[in-house]
Amino acid sequence: MKPTKKKQKAPLKKHSFQKADTSFVEKKGVAKVNTSVNMPFSKGNFKIMLTGIGVLLLGFIVMSLDTEEFGQGFIGLTLGPIIVVVGFAIQFFAIFHSPKTEQE
């Protein structure tokens, strides 16, 4: 029998999550860690989302106000669902809206 060679294990690669945060900002001899975080939504996006939630609630309230039997009138079958669809469109816009950034 031939002696088999043992395979050497390759050294482990360092992944990006294993690296320590070395981004320091020095100011007047004091080192501070850079804690800036990129949020996916801006303040404007959240305002648009709250508006969309309000419109959705308004649409469901309008649907419940119908005085016809089983909500079969114009308000319950037409106006309320249109308002709800508009609310969902506002939510869609709020998610995909990117704020304008200032270019230097």
N, C-alpha and C. Protein backbone atom coordinates (compact mmCIF):
# COMPACT_ATOMS: atom_id res chain seq x y z
N MET A 1 0.82 -1.17 0.00
CA MET A 1 0.00 0.00 0.00
C MET A 1 0.87 1.24 0.00
N LYS A 2 0.42 2.21 -0.77
CA LYS A 2 1.14 3.47 -0.81
C LYS A 2 0.71 4.35 0.35
N PRO A 3 1.64 5.04 0.95
CA PRO A 3 1.22 5.98 2.00
C PRO A 3 0.50 7.18 1.37
N THR A 4 -0.60 7.53 1.95
CA THR A 4 -1.37 8.65 1.41
C THR A 4 -0.88 9.95 2.02
N LYS A 5 -0.85 10.96 1.18
CA LYS A 5 -0.43 12.26 1.66
C LYS A 5 -1.61 12.97 2.31
N LYS A 6 -1.32 13.58 3.42
CA LYS A 6 -2.38 14.36 4.07
C LYS A 6 -2.50 15.71 3.38
N LYS A 7 -3.72 16.07 3.10
CA LYS A 7 -3.95 17.37 2.48
C LYS A 7 -3.85 18.45 3.55
N GLN A 8 -3.13 19.50 3.21
CA GLN A 8 -3.02 20.61 4.14
C GLN A 8 -4.25 21.50 4.00
N LYS A 9 -4.74 21.92 5.14
CA LYS A 9 -5.91 22.78 5.12
C LYS A 9 -5.48 24.20 4.77
N ALA A 10 -6.26 24.81 3.91
CA ALA A 10 -5.97 26.20 3.53
C ALA A 10 -6.30 27.11 4.70
N PRO A 11 -5.54 28.18 4.87
CA PRO A 11 -5.85 29.10 5.97
C PRO A 11 -7.22 29.73 5.76
N LEU A 12 -7.91 29.97 6.86
CA LEU A 12 -9.24 30.55 6.77
C LEU A 12 -9.16 31.98 6.29
N LYS A 13 -10.06 32.32 5.40
CA LYS A 13 -10.12 33.69 4.91
C LYS A 13 -10.93 34.54 5.88
N LYS A 14 -10.48 35.76 6.05
CA LYS A 14 -11.24 36.67 6.91
C LYS A 14 -12.38 37.26 6.09
N HIS A 15 -13.56 37.19 6.65
CA HIS A 15 -14.72 37.77 6.00
C HIS A 15 -14.88 39.20 6.47
N SER A 16 -15.69 39.94 5.74
CA SER A 16 -15.87 41.34 6.07
C SER A 16 -16.50 41.53 7.44
N PHE A 17 -17.31 40.56 7.89
CA PHE A 17 -17.94 40.72 9.21
C PHE A 17 -16.96 40.44 10.34
N GLN A 18 -15.79 39.85 10.03
CA GLN A 18 -14.81 39.57 11.06
C GLN A 18 -13.86 40.73 11.29
N LYS A 19 -13.84 41.70 10.38
CA LYS A 19 -12.92 42.82 10.51
C LYS A 19 -13.44 43.79 11.57
N ALA A 20 -12.53 44.32 12.32
CA ALA A 20 -12.90 45.31 13.34
C ALA A 20 -13.12 46.66 12.67
N ASP A 21 -13.98 47.46 13.26
CA ASP A 21 -14.26 48.79 12.74
C ASP A 21 -13.08 49.70 13.08
N THR A 22 -12.33 50.09 12.07
CA THR A 22 -11.16 50.92 12.30
C THR A 22 -11.35 52.34 11.78
N SER A 23 -12.58 52.71 11.48
CA SER A 23 -12.82 54.05 10.97
C SER A 23 -12.97 55.00 12.17
N PHE A 24 -11.91 55.70 12.43
CA PHE A 24 -11.90 56.62 13.55
C PHE A 24 -11.85 58.06 13.05
N VAL A 25 -12.46 58.91 13.79
CA VAL A 25 -12.41 60.33 13.49
C VAL A 25 -11.69 60.99 14.65
N GLU A 26 -10.54 61.58 14.36
CA GLU A 26 -9.79 62.22 15.43
C GLU A 26 -10.11 63.70 15.47
N LYS A 27 -10.41 64.16 16.66
CA LYS A 27 -10.74 65.58 16.84
C LYS A 27 -10.16 66.02 18.17
N LYS A 28 -9.23 66.95 18.12
CA LYS A 28 -8.60 67.51 19.31
C LYS A 28 -7.99 66.42 20.19
N GLY A 29 -7.32 65.46 19.57
CA GLY A 29 -6.63 64.44 20.33
C GLY A 29 -7.52 63.34 20.89
N VAL A 30 -8.82 63.39 20.63
CA VAL A 30 -9.74 62.38 21.13
C VAL A 30 -10.22 61.54 19.95
N ALA A 31 -10.08 60.24 20.05
CA ALA A 31 -10.52 59.35 18.98
C ALA A 31 -11.97 58.95 19.22
N LYS A 32 -12.78 59.11 18.19
CA LYS A 32 -14.20 58.73 18.27
C LYS A 32 -14.49 57.72 17.17
N VAL A 33 -15.36 56.80 17.45
CA VAL A 33 -15.77 55.82 16.46
C VAL A 33 -16.83 56.44 15.58
N ASN A 34 -16.70 56.24 14.28
CA ASN A 34 -17.68 56.75 13.32
C ASN A 34 -18.95 55.91 13.43
N THR A 35 -20.03 56.49 13.91
CA THR A 35 -21.26 55.74 14.14
C THR A 35 -22.36 56.12 13.16
N SER A 36 -22.01 56.63 12.00
CA SER A 36 -23.04 56.99 11.03
C SER A 36 -23.67 55.73 10.46
N VAL A 37 -24.99 55.73 10.38
CA VAL A 37 -25.74 54.58 9.90
C VAL A 37 -26.59 55.02 8.72
N ASN A 38 -26.56 54.26 7.65
CA ASN A 38 -27.40 54.56 6.49
C ASN A 38 -28.75 53.89 6.68
N MET A 39 -29.76 54.70 6.94
CA MET A 39 -31.11 54.17 7.12
C MET A 39 -31.76 53.97 5.74
N PRO A 40 -32.57 52.93 5.59
CA PRO A 40 -33.19 52.69 4.28
C PRO A 40 -34.27 53.71 3.94
N PHE A 41 -34.91 54.30 4.95
CA PHE A 41 -35.95 55.28 4.71
C PHE A 41 -35.59 56.58 5.40
N SER A 42 -35.98 57.68 4.78
CA SER A 42 -35.73 58.98 5.37
C SER A 42 -36.98 59.44 6.14
N LYS A 43 -36.86 60.61 6.74
CA LYS A 43 -37.99 61.17 7.50
C LYS A 43 -39.18 61.41 6.57
N GLY A 44 -38.90 61.84 5.35
CA GLY A 44 -39.97 62.07 4.38
C GLY A 44 -40.71 60.80 4.01
N ASN A 45 -39.96 59.68 3.88
CA ASN A 45 -40.59 58.40 3.58
C ASN A 45 -41.57 58.00 4.68
N PHE A 46 -41.17 58.21 5.94
CA PHE A 46 -42.06 57.84 7.04
C PHE A 46 -43.30 58.72 7.07
N LYS A 47 -43.17 59.99 6.72
CA LYS A 47 -44.34 60.87 6.65
C LYS A 47 -45.31 60.40 5.57
N ILE A 48 -44.76 60.01 4.42
CA ILE A 48 -45.62 59.52 3.33
C ILE A 48 -46.28 58.20 3.74
N MET A 49 -45.56 57.34 4.45
CA MET A 49 -46.14 56.08 4.92
C MET A 49 -47.29 56.32 5.89
N LEU A 50 -47.11 57.26 6.81
CA LEU A 50 -48.19 57.57 7.75
C LEU A 50 -49.40 58.13 7.03
N THR A 51 -49.17 58.94 6.01
CA THR A 51 -50.28 59.44 5.20
C THR A 51 -51.01 58.29 4.52
N GLY A 52 -50.25 57.34 3.98
CA GLY A 52 -50.86 56.18 3.32
C GLY A 52 -51.67 55.34 4.29
N ILE A 53 -51.17 55.17 5.52
CA ILE A 53 -51.93 54.40 6.52
C ILE A 53 -53.21 55.14 6.86
N GLY A 54 -53.13 56.46 6.97
CA GLY A 54 -54.34 57.25 7.25
C GLY A 54 -55.37 57.11 6.14
N VAL A 55 -54.93 57.13 4.89
CA VAL A 55 -55.86 56.99 3.76
C VAL A 55 -56.46 55.59 3.75
N LEU A 56 -55.66 54.57 4.07
CA LEU A 56 -56.20 53.21 4.15
C LEU A 56 -57.29 53.11 5.21
N LEU A 57 -57.00 53.65 6.39
CA LEU A 57 -58.01 53.63 7.45
C LEU A 57 -59.27 54.39 7.04
N LEU A 58 -59.08 55.53 6.38
CA LEU A 58 -60.23 56.30 5.90
C LEU A 58 -61.08 55.48 4.93
N GLY A 59 -60.41 54.74 4.04
CA GLY A 59 -61.15 53.90 3.08
C GLY A 59 -61.97 52.82 3.76
N PHE A 60 -61.39 52.17 4.77
CA PHE A 60 -62.14 51.13 5.49
C PHE A 60 -63.29 51.73 6.30
N ILE A 61 -63.07 52.91 6.86
CA ILE A 61 -64.15 53.58 7.60
C ILE A 61 -65.28 53.97 6.65
N VAL A 62 -64.92 54.49 5.46
CA VAL A 62 -65.94 54.86 4.47
C VAL A 62 -66.74 53.63 4.06
N MET A 63 -66.08 52.48 3.88
CA MET A 63 -66.81 51.26 3.50
C MET A 63 -67.79 50.84 4.60
N SER A 64 -67.42 51.09 5.85
CA SER A 64 -68.31 50.67 6.94
C SER A 64 -69.48 51.64 7.15
N LEU A 65 -69.43 52.82 6.55
CA LEU A 65 -70.49 53.81 6.73
C LEU A 65 -71.68 53.61 5.80
N ASP A 66 -71.61 52.68 4.89
CA ASP A 66 -72.68 52.48 3.94
C ASP A 66 -73.96 52.06 4.66
N THR A 67 -75.07 52.73 4.32
CA THR A 67 -76.35 52.45 4.99
C THR A 67 -77.17 51.40 4.25
N GLU A 68 -76.76 51.02 3.06
CA GLU A 68 -77.49 49.99 2.32
C GLU A 68 -77.27 48.62 2.98
N GLU A 69 -78.20 47.72 2.70
CA GLU A 69 -78.12 46.39 3.27
C GLU A 69 -76.88 45.66 2.76
N PHE A 70 -76.08 45.07 3.67
CA PHE A 70 -74.86 44.33 3.37
C PHE A 70 -73.81 45.20 2.64
N GLY A 71 -73.89 46.50 2.78
CA GLY A 71 -72.90 47.39 2.16
C GLY A 71 -72.93 47.37 0.65
N GLN A 72 -74.10 47.19 0.07
CA GLN A 72 -74.22 47.06 -1.38
C GLN A 72 -74.43 48.38 -2.11
N GLY A 73 -74.33 49.51 -1.41
CA GLY A 73 -74.52 50.81 -2.05
C GLY A 73 -73.25 51.32 -2.71
N PHE A 74 -73.34 52.55 -3.22
CA PHE A 74 -72.20 53.18 -3.91
C PHE A 74 -71.01 53.36 -2.98
N ILE A 75 -71.26 53.77 -1.75
CA ILE A 75 -70.17 54.04 -0.82
C ILE A 75 -69.42 52.76 -0.47
N GLY A 76 -70.12 51.69 -0.18
CA GLY A 76 -69.49 50.45 0.24
C GLY A 76 -68.83 49.67 -0.88
N LEU A 77 -69.38 49.76 -2.10
CA LEU A 77 -68.85 48.96 -3.21
C LEU A 77 -67.90 49.72 -4.13
N THR A 78 -68.00 51.04 -4.17
CA THR A 78 -67.21 51.79 -5.14
C THR A 78 -66.26 52.78 -4.48
N LEU A 79 -66.78 53.70 -3.69
CA LEU A 79 -65.97 54.78 -3.14
C LEU A 79 -64.94 54.27 -2.12
N GLY A 80 -65.36 53.43 -1.20
CA GLY A 80 -64.45 52.90 -0.19
C GLY A 80 -63.28 52.12 -0.77
N PRO A 81 -63.55 51.16 -1.66
CA PRO A 81 -62.42 50.42 -2.26
C PRO A 81 -61.48 51.30 -3.09
N ILE A 82 -62.02 52.33 -3.74
CA ILE A 82 -61.14 53.23 -4.50
C ILE A 82 -60.20 53.95 -3.54
N ILE A 83 -60.71 54.40 -2.41
CA ILE A 83 -59.88 55.08 -1.42
C ILE A 83 -58.83 54.12 -0.86
N VAL A 84 -59.19 52.87 -0.64
CA VAL A 84 -58.22 51.88 -0.14
C VAL A 84 -57.11 51.65 -1.17
N VAL A 85 -57.46 51.53 -2.44
CA VAL A 85 -56.46 51.33 -3.49
C VAL A 85 -55.53 52.54 -3.57
N VAL A 86 -56.07 53.75 -3.41
CA VAL A 86 -55.23 54.95 -3.40
C VAL A 86 -54.27 54.90 -2.20
N GLY A 87 -54.75 54.43 -1.06
CA GLY A 87 -53.89 54.28 0.12
C GLY A 87 -52.74 53.32 -0.13
N PHE A 88 -53.02 52.20 -0.79
CA PHE A 88 -51.95 51.25 -1.11
C PHE A 88 -50.97 51.85 -2.14
N ALA A 89 -51.47 52.65 -3.07
CA ALA A 89 -50.59 53.30 -4.04
C ALA A 89 -49.66 54.29 -3.32
N ILE A 90 -50.18 54.99 -2.32
CA ILE A 90 -49.34 55.91 -1.54
C ILE A 90 -48.27 55.13 -0.79
N GLN A 91 -48.62 53.98 -0.23
CA GLN A 91 -47.64 53.15 0.47
C GLN A 91 -46.55 52.66 -0.50
N PHE A 92 -46.94 52.25 -1.68
CA PHE A 92 -45.99 51.79 -2.71
C PHE A 92 -45.03 52.92 -3.05
N PHE A 93 -45.57 54.12 -3.24
CA PHE A 93 -44.73 55.28 -3.55
C PHE A 93 -43.78 55.58 -2.39
N ALA A 94 -44.26 55.48 -1.15
CA ALA A 94 -43.43 55.79 0.02
C ALA A 94 -42.26 54.82 0.14
N ILE A 95 -42.46 53.57 -0.22
CA ILE A 95 -41.39 52.58 -0.12
C ILE A 95 -40.33 52.82 -1.19
N PHE A 96 -40.73 53.13 -2.40
CA PHE A 96 -39.78 53.25 -3.50
C PHE A 96 -39.28 54.67 -3.74
N HIS A 97 -39.78 55.65 -3.01
CA HIS A 97 -39.34 57.03 -3.15
C HIS A 97 -37.97 57.20 -2.50
N SER A 98 -37.01 57.72 -3.27
CA SER A 98 -35.69 57.98 -2.71
C SER A 98 -35.51 59.50 -2.62
N PRO A 99 -35.10 59.98 -1.45
CA PRO A 99 -34.95 61.42 -1.29
C PRO A 99 -33.80 61.96 -2.13
N LYS A 100 -33.92 63.21 -2.54
CA LYS A 100 -32.87 63.85 -3.32
C LYS A 100 -31.68 64.12 -2.40
N THR A 101 -30.50 63.78 -2.89
CA THR A 101 -29.29 64.01 -2.11
C THR A 101 -28.56 65.22 -2.67
N GLU A 102 -27.93 65.96 -1.78
CA GLU A 102 -27.18 67.13 -2.20
C GLU A 102 -25.85 66.68 -2.76
N GLN A 103 -25.51 67.20 -3.93
CA GLN A 103 -24.23 66.87 -4.55
C GLN A 103 -23.28 68.03 -4.33
N GLU A 104 -22.05 67.72 -3.89
CA GLU A 104 -21.07 68.77 -3.64
C GLU A 104 -20.22 69.02 -4.85
